């Protein structure tokens, strides 16, 4: 059986304790993954400065060039997975086997992650708001005619990763160009992507000492977040809530993302159905930036029925089918729990599963040995209904009528909001709202993220603090003239 080792400063380590990850359909063991216990992690992370030392000496321009090379290796070349070769199509099939993602969706994630690596200059420009990134090489420089200096908040970024989508890895890869060592805890069902990315970075000439790869249990994950100077954690509320008040840890939990149609767009909703449907269904609804709510000021029932008719066309297909859009649940019990939660909400007055009118059969289906939840559109009578602001790991959205004056206050915290309206007063309220983290003005699907706009949080500000710097004029001139 294929074995994936722990990587301790880039060197493989085979642990006596292993986890066997099953193939999602047969439930037969598919890959064996070495496990790192909390004691091993604690011991390895005692000297994080040494992990970062080689990166610190490399120019940022060199590291960005190595990111571009890593993009090519990750997307198109054969790399090692454990002691076996892994070509790009092997990687696609392996990710699909343990996560259930259709091959077509895995390939899109390859392009997304490799695109971030290739576009690293634009990514860093967005993260730093146009700072000359070579300031990190010299420790000081100028911006806008003023002396600037930045100090690292940590030597290593610890990241506790999920299993739902390879695309999330695009959020931590800029750390290498920012001269920060990485300590990665992969998702239990998706050990493939972070391991392959490390191999691509090392193949591109990034020092292996800069990488730790620690498959682990909850105690090991907590040790990474406690021990690293800065951290990121992905997961549901039960996973992330313990870190919500820790400023060292950037939390990526449920997004509760939404599409908002102002009065003008609600009347002309037919023109916007493609954007709304893409916001709900892209990546099989697994991302925190997928829309889980469509908030409208008019025509809520008509919009719900149009969306339901479209969503009902999305059906289970074989993983290899290029038109597959729907991912199965690797844990059938999880699908059953989610479906039961939706039914419990529907039992309360004021909500209707509109897709039930357009599909034949139940929401939960078994196809070719895999368990699916079919896309679901719920029409809620008001924002007060329990299903009006819920998020699930499949294409689910509530259509919610709301008075224009209630926007955006009734939305609740929302990671991504696509606002389609020409109502400038509403746009201004959205711009002023602390509830809206990421705002798309106009017909832009909620999952669409550009390189120059940080997705959630700002990795540069998470990893570096600006310090006050005053220089005697001769020293300042010499610093500005330094190569």
Protein backbone atom coordinates (compact mmCIF):
# COMPACT_ATOMS: atom_id res chain seq x y z
CA UNK A 1 0.00 0.00 0.00
CA UNK A 2 1.17 3.52 -0.78
CA UNK A 3 2.65 5.19 2.31
CA UNK A 4 2.93 8.94 2.96
CA UNK A 5 5.53 9.81 5.63
CA UNK A 6 5.82 12.67 8.07
CA UNK A 7 8.22 15.34 6.82
CA UNK A 8 10.52 16.70 9.52
CA UNK A 9 12.27 19.76 8.09
CA UNK A 10 11.63 18.24 4.69
CA UNK A 11 13.05 14.80 5.54
CA UNK A 12 10.73 11.78 5.43
CA UNK A 13 10.04 9.97 8.68
CA UNK A 14 8.04 6.75 8.88
CA UNK A 15 6.08 6.58 12.10
CA UNK A 16 5.05 3.42 13.92
CA UNK A 17 1.58 4.93 14.22
CA UNK A 18 -0.30 5.14 10.93
CA UNK A 19 -3.77 6.08 9.72
CA UNK A 20 -5.30 4.20 6.82
CA UNK A 21 -7.43 6.47 4.64
CA UNK A 22 -10.17 4.59 2.77
CA UNK A 23 -11.35 4.86 -0.80
CA UNK A 24 -14.60 6.76 -0.42
CA UNK A 25 -16.80 4.23 -2.27
CA UNK A 26 -15.44 0.83 -1.28
CA UNK A 27 -14.26 1.99 2.18
CA UNK A 28 -11.23 -0.24 1.62
CA UNK A 29 -7.87 1.18 2.83
CA UNK A 30 -6.38 3.26 0.01
CA UNK A 31 -3.31 4.98 1.49
CA UNK A 32 -1.35 4.66 4.70
CA UNK A 33 -0.27 7.92 6.35
CA UNK A 34 2.34 8.19 9.11
CA UNK A 35 1.05 10.04 12.17
CA UNK A 36 2.97 12.54 14.28
CA UNK A 37 2.09 12.72 17.95
CA UNK A 38 2.08 15.96 19.94
CA UNK A 39 5.40 15.14 21.61
CA UNK A 40 7.21 14.69 18.29
CA UNK A 41 5.74 17.93 16.97
CA UNK A 42 6.68 19.83 20.13
CA UNK A 43 10.26 18.52 19.94
CA UNK A 44 10.64 19.36 16.24
CA UNK A 45 9.32 22.89 16.66
CA UNK A 46 11.70 23.93 19.41
CA UNK A 47 13.97 25.63 16.85
CA UNK A 48 11.70 27.30 14.33
CA UNK A 49 14.35 29.94 13.65
CA UNK A 50 16.51 27.24 12.06
CA UNK A 51 13.63 26.26 9.76
CA UNK A 52 13.43 29.83 8.48
CA UNK A 53 17.15 30.61 8.38
CA UNK A 54 17.80 29.68 4.73
CA UNK A 55 14.65 31.45 3.52
CA UNK A 56 15.67 34.60 5.34
CA UNK A 57 18.88 34.81 3.27
CA UNK A 58 17.16 34.34 -0.11
CA UNK A 59 16.02 37.44 -2.07
CA UNK A 60 12.27 37.72 -2.46
CA UNK A 61 12.73 38.00 -6.23
CA UNK A 62 14.46 34.61 -6.17
CA UNK A 63 11.71 33.08 -4.05
CA UNK A 64 9.02 34.39 -6.43
CA UNK A 65 10.90 32.82 -9.35
CA UNK A 66 11.00 29.52 -7.45
CA UNK A 67 7.26 29.81 -6.87
CA UNK A 68 6.76 30.04 -10.63
CA UNK A 69 8.89 26.93 -11.12
CA UNK A 70 6.98 25.16 -8.33
CA UNK A 71 3.72 25.97 -10.17
CA UNK A 72 4.95 24.10 -13.24
CA UNK A 73 6.14 21.14 -11.20
CA UNK A 74 2.91 20.92 -9.20
CA UNK A 75 0.65 21.14 -12.25
CA UNK A 76 2.50 19.11 -14.85
CA UNK A 77 5.41 17.01 -13.59
CA UNK A 78 5.95 13.68 -11.86
CA UNK A 79 6.89 14.16 -8.20
CA UNK A 80 7.38 11.79 -5.28
CA UNK A 81 4.57 10.79 -2.96
CA UNK A 82 6.29 8.78 -0.27
CA UNK A 83 8.65 6.52 -2.19
CA UNK A 84 6.40 6.27 -5.25
CA UNK A 85 6.18 8.50 -8.35
CA UNK A 86 3.06 10.64 -8.69
CA UNK A 87 2.16 12.16 -12.04
CA UNK A 88 -0.52 14.85 -12.37
CA UNK A 89 -3.22 12.33 -13.33
CA UNK A 90 -2.18 10.05 -10.44
CA UNK A 91 -2.67 13.02 -8.13
CA UNK A 92 -6.11 13.77 -9.59
CA UNK A 93 -7.24 10.18 -9.16
CA UNK A 94 -5.85 9.94 -5.62
CA UNK A 95 -7.50 13.14 -4.40
CA UNK A 96 -10.78 11.97 -5.92
CA UNK A 97 -10.46 8.52 -4.37
CA UNK A 98 -10.27 9.79 -0.78
CA UNK A 99 -12.35 13.01 -0.95
CA UNK A 100 -14.97 12.12 -3.56
CA UNK A 101 -14.27 15.25 -5.63
CA UNK A 102 -14.88 14.66 -9.35
CA UNK A 103 -11.73 14.69 -11.47
CA UNK A 104 -12.83 17.84 -13.29
CA UNK A 105 -13.06 19.77 -10.02
CA UNK A 106 -9.64 18.54 -8.87
CA UNK A 107 -8.14 19.75 -12.16
CA UNK A 108 -9.70 23.18 -11.62
CA UNK A 109 -8.06 23.33 -8.21
CA UNK A 110 -4.71 22.46 -9.77
CA UNK A 111 -5.09 25.48 -12.02
CA UNK A 112 -6.16 27.68 -9.14
CA UNK A 113 -3.24 26.78 -6.88
CA UNK A 114 -0.65 26.85 -9.65
CA UNK A 115 -2.11 30.16 -10.84
CA UNK A 116 -1.46 31.70 -7.43
CA UNK A 117 2.11 30.42 -7.50
CA UNK A 118 2.70 31.80 -11.01
CA UNK A 119 1.06 35.09 -10.12
CA UNK A 120 3.01 35.57 -6.89
CA UNK A 121 4.18 39.12 -7.72
CA UNK A 122 0.52 40.21 -8.12
CA UNK A 123 -0.49 38.27 -5.00
CA UNK A 124 2.16 39.97 -2.87
CA UNK A 125 1.34 43.33 -4.41
CA UNK A 126 -2.25 42.85 -3.25
CA UNK A 127 -1.28 41.61 0.20
CA UNK A 128 1.18 44.46 0.80
CA UNK A 129 -0.84 47.15 -1.00
CA UNK A 130 1.93 47.92 -3.44
CA UNK A 131 4.92 47.76 -1.11
CA UNK A 132 8.30 47.14 -2.72
CA UNK A 133 8.60 43.61 -1.38
CA UNK A 134 12.41 43.78 -1.45
CA UNK A 135 12.01 45.72 1.82
CA UNK A 136 11.87 42.25 3.43
CA UNK A 137 15.39 41.57 2.08
CA UNK A 138 16.93 44.71 3.58
CA UNK A 139 14.75 45.00 6.65
CA UNK A 140 13.99 48.61 5.78
CA UNK A 141 13.23 50.87 2.86
CA UNK A 142 10.89 53.60 1.69
CA UNK A 143 7.21 53.75 0.79
CA UNK A 144 5.45 56.94 -0.21
CA UNK A 145 8.52 58.94 0.72
CA UNK A 146 8.58 57.59 4.26
CA UNK A 147 10.97 55.17 5.92
CA UNK A 148 9.40 51.76 6.52
CA UNK A 149 10.49 48.62 8.29
CA UNK A 150 8.75 45.32 8.97
CA UNK A 151 9.54 42.70 11.55
CA UNK A 152 8.37 39.07 11.39
CA UNK A 153 5.82 38.10 14.00
CA UNK A 154 7.02 34.47 13.88
CA UNK A 155 9.53 32.11 12.30
CA UNK A 156 6.95 29.56 11.14
CA UNK A 157 3.32 29.55 10.08
CA UNK A 158 1.40 26.54 11.38
CA UNK A 159 -1.59 25.55 9.24
CA UNK A 160 -4.30 23.05 10.18
CA UNK A 161 -5.90 22.11 6.87
CA UNK A 162 -9.31 20.72 5.87
CA UNK A 163 -10.24 17.86 3.55
CA UNK A 164 -13.08 19.48 1.64
CA UNK A 165 -11.24 21.27 -1.17
CA UNK A 166 -7.65 21.50 -2.52
CA UNK A 167 -8.23 25.14 -3.43
CA UNK A 168 -7.69 26.30 0.17
CA UNK A 169 -3.97 25.64 -0.25
CA UNK A 170 -3.71 28.78 -2.37
CA UNK A 171 -4.09 30.74 0.89
CA UNK A 172 -0.89 29.55 2.58
CA UNK A 173 1.50 29.14 -0.39
CA UNK A 174 2.49 32.87 -0.40
CA UNK A 175 4.18 32.29 2.97
CA UNK A 176 7.25 30.91 1.16
CA UNK A 177 7.71 34.08 -0.90
CA UNK A 178 7.27 36.00 2.37
CA UNK A 179 10.24 34.08 3.84
CA UNK A 180 8.20 32.17 6.39
CA UNK A 181 8.71 28.48 7.22
CA UNK A 182 5.64 26.25 7.03
CA UNK A 183 4.31 23.60 9.41
CA UNK A 184 1.35 21.83 7.79
CA UNK A 185 -1.16 19.44 9.30
CA UNK A 186 -3.09 17.93 6.34
CA UNK A 187 -6.78 17.07 6.40
CA UNK A 188 -7.34 13.42 7.25
CA UNK A 189 -8.93 12.62 3.86
CA UNK A 190 -6.72 14.91 1.79
CA UNK A 191 -3.04 14.34 2.57
CA UNK A 192 -2.13 14.68 -1.13
CA UNK A 193 -2.08 18.38 -1.98
CA UNK A 194 0.15 19.80 0.79
CA UNK A 195 2.61 16.93 0.32
CA UNK A 196 2.77 17.47 -3.46
CA UNK A 197 3.18 21.21 -3.00
CA UNK A 198 6.12 20.67 -0.65
CA UNK A 199 7.73 18.38 -3.23
CA UNK A 200 7.17 21.03 -5.90
CA UNK A 201 8.73 23.77 -3.75
CA UNK A 202 11.75 21.62 -2.91
CA UNK A 203 12.11 20.62 -6.56
CA UNK A 204 12.12 24.31 -7.44
CA UNK A 205 15.02 24.92 -5.06
CA UNK A 206 13.30 26.05 -1.88
CA UNK A 207 15.29 24.68 1.11
CA UNK A 208 13.62 21.54 2.52
CA UNK A 209 14.37 22.73 6.08
CA UNK A 210 11.54 25.25 5.63
CA UNK A 211 8.84 22.56 5.64
CA UNK A 212 7.17 20.43 8.26
CA UNK A 213 4.37 18.03 7.27
CA UNK A 214 2.65 16.46 10.26
CA UNK A 215 -0.44 14.30 9.78
CA UNK A 216 -1.85 14.19 13.29
CA UNK A 217 -4.87 13.90 15.54
CA UNK A 218 -6.59 16.82 17.27
CA UNK A 219 -3.91 16.98 19.96
CA UNK A 220 -1.18 17.23 17.32
CA UNK A 221 -3.10 19.93 15.44
CA UNK A 222 -3.52 21.92 18.64
CA UNK A 223 0.20 21.59 19.39
CA UNK A 224 1.04 23.10 15.99
CA UNK A 225 -1.24 26.08 16.60
CA UNK A 226 0.03 26.57 20.16
CA UNK A 227 3.71 26.26 19.28
CA UNK A 228 4.01 28.20 16.02
CA UNK A 229 4.19 31.95 16.37
CA UNK A 230 1.43 32.37 13.79
CA UNK A 231 -1.26 29.94 12.68
CA UNK A 232 -4.18 29.31 10.35
CA UNK A 233 -7.00 26.86 11.03
CA UNK A 234 -9.75 25.66 8.70
CA UNK A 235 -12.91 23.84 9.69
CA UNK A 236 -16.41 24.08 11.04
CA UNK A 237 -17.34 25.96 14.20
CA UNK A 238 -16.54 22.98 16.44
CA UNK A 239 -12.98 22.96 15.07
CA UNK A 240 -12.29 26.68 14.93
CA UNK A 241 -14.15 28.12 17.94
CA UNK A 242 -11.33 27.35 20.37
CA UNK A 243 -9.04 29.67 18.40
CA UNK A 244 -11.49 32.47 17.62
CA UNK A 245 -10.10 34.79 20.31
CA UNK A 246 -6.41 33.98 19.74
CA UNK A 247 -4.87 36.81 17.67
CA UNK A 248 -2.00 34.54 16.63
CA UNK A 249 -4.37 32.26 14.69
CA UNK A 250 -6.27 33.23 11.55
CA UNK A 251 -9.58 31.35 11.60
CA UNK A 252 -11.23 30.12 8.39
CA UNK A 253 -14.60 28.76 9.42
CA UNK A 254 -18.06 28.83 7.84
CA UNK A 255 -18.49 31.72 5.41
CA UNK A 256 -22.25 32.30 5.25
CA UNK A 257 -21.62 33.94 1.88
CA UNK A 258 -24.54 35.49 0.01
CA UNK A 259 -25.85 37.00 -3.18
CA UNK A 260 -27.85 40.18 -2.59
CA UNK A 261 -30.22 41.52 -5.25
CA UNK A 262 -31.26 45.12 -4.79
CA UNK A 263 -34.75 46.26 -5.85
CA UNK A 264 -33.67 46.82 -9.47
CA UNK A 265 -31.94 43.45 -9.80
CA UNK A 266 -34.75 41.64 -7.99
CA UNK A 267 -37.16 42.86 -10.65
CA UNK A 268 -34.75 41.85 -13.43
CA UNK A 269 -33.69 38.59 -11.75
CA UNK A 270 -33.71 36.51 -14.96
CA UNK A 271 -30.57 38.34 -16.06
CA UNK A 272 -28.70 37.24 -12.96
CA UNK A 273 -29.62 33.57 -12.59
CA UNK A 274 -26.34 32.32 -14.11
CA UNK A 275 -24.29 34.25 -11.54
CA UNK A 276 -26.48 33.10 -8.65
CA UNK A 277 -26.39 29.45 -9.74
CA UNK A 278 -22.59 29.53 -10.14
CA UNK A 279 -22.24 31.11 -6.70
CA UNK A 280 -24.18 28.22 -5.17
CA UNK A 281 -22.92 25.24 -7.17
CA UNK A 282 -19.24 25.84 -8.05
CA UNK A 283 -16.88 23.33 -6.41
CA UNK A 284 -19.94 21.29 -5.44
CA UNK A 285 -20.84 23.92 -2.86
CA UNK A 286 -17.93 22.94 -0.61
CA UNK A 287 -16.22 26.32 -0.26
CA UNK A 288 -16.80 28.96 2.38
CA UNK A 289 -17.26 31.46 -0.46
CA UNK A 290 -20.11 29.47 -2.03
CA UNK A 291 -23.38 31.35 -1.61
CA UNK A 292 -25.60 29.75 1.01
CA UNK A 293 -28.13 32.57 0.83
CA UNK A 294 -29.83 34.61 -1.89
CA UNK A 295 -31.32 37.72 -0.29
CA UNK A 296 -33.80 39.58 -2.48
CA UNK A 297 -36.16 42.52 -2.11
CA UNK A 298 -38.81 41.28 -4.57
CA UNK A 299 -39.89 38.11 -6.43
CA UNK A 300 -38.47 35.70 -3.86
CA UNK A 301 -40.82 32.85 -4.84
CA UNK A 302 -40.17 33.20 -8.58
CA UNK A 303 -36.40 33.37 -8.00
CA UNK A 304 -36.49 30.27 -5.78
CA UNK A 305 -38.39 28.27 -8.40
CA UNK A 306 -36.06 29.31 -11.24
CA UNK A 307 -33.01 28.36 -9.19
CA UNK A 308 -34.55 25.10 -8.05
CA UNK A 309 -35.26 24.08 -11.64
CA UNK A 310 -31.63 24.73 -12.55
CA UNK A 311 -30.21 23.00 -9.49
CA UNK A 312 -32.36 19.92 -10.11
CA UNK A 313 -30.41 19.34 -13.35
CA UNK A 314 -27.24 18.67 -11.34
CA UNK A 315 -27.13 14.94 -10.76
CA UNK A 316 -24.52 12.43 -9.58
CA UNK A 317 -22.11 11.38 -12.31
CA UNK A 318 -19.02 9.14 -12.30
CA UNK A 319 -15.93 10.86 -10.92
CA UNK A 320 -14.22 10.59 -14.33
CA UNK A 321 -17.10 12.29 -16.17
CA UNK A 322 -15.90 15.73 -17.36
CA UNK A 323 -19.37 17.13 -16.67
CA UNK A 324 -19.49 15.94 -13.05
CA UNK A 325 -20.32 18.84 -10.71
CA UNK A 326 -21.48 17.07 -7.56
CA UNK A 327 -19.19 15.46 -4.98
CA UNK A 328 -20.37 12.60 -2.76
CA UNK A 329 -19.94 12.51 0.99
CA UNK A 330 -17.07 10.30 2.12
CA UNK A 331 -19.00 9.73 5.37
CA UNK A 332 -22.60 8.67 4.60
CA UNK A 333 -23.59 9.39 8.20
CA UNK A 334 -22.61 13.04 7.75
CA UNK A 335 -24.91 13.32 4.74
CA UNK A 336 -27.74 11.76 6.74
CA UNK A 337 -27.20 14.22 9.61
CA UNK A 338 -27.21 17.24 7.30
CA UNK A 339 -30.34 16.11 5.50
CA UNK A 340 -32.07 15.54 8.85
CA UNK A 341 -31.04 19.06 9.99
CA UNK A 342 -32.60 20.56 6.87
CA UNK A 343 -35.78 18.54 7.37
CA UNK A 344 -35.98 19.70 10.97
CA UNK A 345 -35.78 23.29 9.80
CA UNK A 346 -38.43 22.68 7.16
CA UNK A 347 -40.74 21.31 9.85
CA UNK A 348 -40.96 24.82 11.27
CA UNK A 349 -43.47 27.11 9.57
CA UNK A 350 -42.17 29.52 6.98
CA UNK A 351 -39.85 27.43 4.80
CA UNK A 352 -40.26 25.20 1.75
CA UNK A 353 -37.83 22.90 -0.07
CA UNK A 354 -38.62 24.18 -3.57
CA UNK A 355 -36.28 21.70 -5.27
CA UNK A 356 -38.52 18.86 -4.05
CA UNK A 357 -40.94 19.92 -6.81
CA UNK A 358 -38.30 19.51 -9.52
CA UNK A 359 -36.48 16.34 -8.56
CA UNK A 360 -37.85 12.82 -8.50
CA UNK A 361 -37.11 11.18 -5.18
CA UNK A 362 -35.42 12.22 -1.94
CA UNK A 363 -32.63 14.69 -1.31
CA UNK A 364 -30.25 11.97 -0.10
CA UNK A 365 -29.43 9.41 -2.79
CA UNK A 366 -26.97 6.57 -3.27
CA UNK A 367 -25.47 6.30 -6.74
CA UNK A 368 -22.78 3.81 -7.78
CA UNK A 369 -22.00 3.09 -4.14
CA UNK A 370 -21.60 6.76 -3.15
CA UNK A 371 -23.85 8.91 -0.97
CA UNK A 372 -24.95 12.30 -2.31
CA UNK A 373 -27.08 15.19 -1.19
CA UNK A 374 -28.80 16.66 -4.22
CA UNK A 375 -28.74 20.46 -4.59
CA UNK A 376 -31.37 22.10 -2.44
CA UNK A 377 -33.05 25.50 -2.67
CA UNK A 378 -35.17 26.52 0.32
CA UNK A 379 -37.59 29.44 0.23
CA UNK A 380 -37.82 31.15 3.61
CA UNK A 381 -40.64 33.49 4.56
CA UNK A 382 -38.31 35.88 6.40
CA UNK A 383 -34.74 36.34 7.65
CA UNK A 384 -35.90 35.04 11.04
CA UNK A 385 -36.36 31.44 9.89
CA UNK A 386 -33.69 29.00 11.19
CA UNK A 387 -32.74 28.00 7.61
CA UNK A 388 -32.34 31.58 6.39
CA UNK A 389 -28.68 31.72 7.40
CA UNK A 390 -27.27 28.19 7.35
CA UNK A 391 -24.37 26.64 5.47
CA UNK A 392 -23.81 23.02 4.44
CA UNK A 393 -21.13 21.17 2.46
CA UNK A 394 -23.14 20.75 -0.73
CA UNK A 395 -25.05 23.08 -3.09
CA UNK A 396 -27.58 24.50 -0.64
CA UNK A 397 -29.03 27.99 -0.53
CA UNK A 398 -31.96 29.76 1.08
CA UNK A 399 -33.84 32.41 -0.86
CA UNK A 400 -34.76 35.08 1.69
CA UNK A 401 -37.03 38.10 1.15
CA UNK A 402 -35.83 41.23 2.91
CA UNK A 403 -36.81 44.89 2.90
CA UNK A 404 -34.22 47.13 1.22
CA UNK A 405 -33.84 49.22 4.38
CA UNK A 406 -32.87 46.07 6.33
CA UNK A 407 -29.79 45.52 4.16
CA UNK A 408 -27.09 44.86 5.13
CA UNK A 409 -27.92 44.74 8.86
CA UNK A 410 -30.01 41.56 8.61
CA UNK A 411 -27.37 39.63 6.66
CA UNK A 412 -25.28 38.66 9.65
CA UNK A 413 -21.52 38.09 9.29
CA UNK A 414 -20.82 37.17 5.66
CA UNK A 415 -17.45 36.18 4.22
CA UNK A 416 -18.30 37.01 0.60
CA UNK A 417 -21.24 39.05 -0.67
CA UNK A 418 -22.07 39.59 -4.32
CA UNK A 419 -24.29 42.68 -4.49
CA UNK A 420 -26.10 43.24 -7.77
CA UNK A 421 -27.75 46.64 -7.75
CA UNK A 422 -27.50 50.18 -9.08
CA UNK A 423 -28.90 51.53 -5.82
CA UNK A 424 -25.99 53.70 -4.65
CA UNK A 425 -27.42 54.10 -1.16
CA UNK A 426 -27.47 50.33 -0.72
CA UNK A 427 -23.96 50.02 -2.14
CA UNK A 428 -22.74 52.62 0.35
CA UNK A 429 -24.35 50.78 3.26
CA UNK A 430 -22.63 47.58 2.15
CA UNK A 431 -19.30 49.38 1.88
CA UNK A 432 -19.77 50.75 5.39
CA UNK A 433 -20.83 47.44 6.92
CA UNK A 434 -18.44 45.49 9.18
CA UNK A 435 -20.60 42.40 8.53
CA UNK A 436 -19.34 42.07 4.93
CA UNK A 437 -15.80 40.76 4.68
CA UNK A 438 -15.40 40.49 0.90
CA UNK A 439 -17.63 42.52 -1.41
CA UNK A 440 -18.24 41.88 -5.11
CA UNK A 441 -20.10 44.77 -6.69
CA UNK A 442 -21.92 43.58 -9.78
CA UNK A 443 -22.51 40.16 -11.37
CA UNK A 444 -19.40 38.38 -10.01
CA UNK A 445 -19.98 34.89 -8.54
CA UNK A 446 -19.09 34.73 -4.86
CA UNK A 447 -16.36 32.06 -5.33
CA UNK A 448 -14.38 34.16 -7.82
CA UNK A 449 -11.21 35.45 -6.15
CA UNK A 450 -8.55 37.55 -7.87
CA UNK A 451 -4.84 37.49 -7.09
CA UNK A 452 -4.62 41.14 -6.05
CA UNK A 453 -7.41 40.97 -3.46
CA UNK A 454 -6.74 38.94 -0.28
CA UNK A 455 -9.41 36.28 0.15
CA UNK A 456 -9.86 36.21 3.91
CA UNK A 457 -7.55 38.03 6.25
CA UNK A 458 -4.22 39.36 5.03
CA UNK A 459 -1.34 36.92 5.20
CA UNK A 460 1.33 39.63 5.02
CA UNK A 461 -0.16 41.55 7.96
CA UNK A 462 -0.63 38.26 9.81
CA UNK A 463 3.06 37.41 9.43
CA UNK A 464 4.70 40.85 9.64
CA UNK A 465 4.30 43.90 11.86
CA UNK A 466 5.29 47.37 10.75
CA UNK A 467 7.67 49.01 13.17
CA UNK A 468 8.26 52.71 13.64
CA UNK A 469 11.59 53.65 12.04
CA UNK A 470 13.41 56.96 12.16
CA UNK A 471 16.78 57.37 10.49
CA UNK A 472 19.37 60.09 10.51
CA UNK A 473 19.33 61.57 7.01
CA UNK A 474 22.76 60.23 5.86
CA UNK A 475 21.78 56.72 7.01
CA UNK A 476 18.42 57.04 5.26
CA UNK A 477 20.08 58.05 1.98
CA UNK A 478 22.47 55.13 2.24
CA UNK A 479 19.61 52.71 2.88
CA UNK A 480 17.67 54.01 -0.12
CA UNK A 481 20.75 53.61 -2.34
CA UNK A 482 21.50 50.06 -1.13
CA UNK A 483 21.05 47.33 -3.80
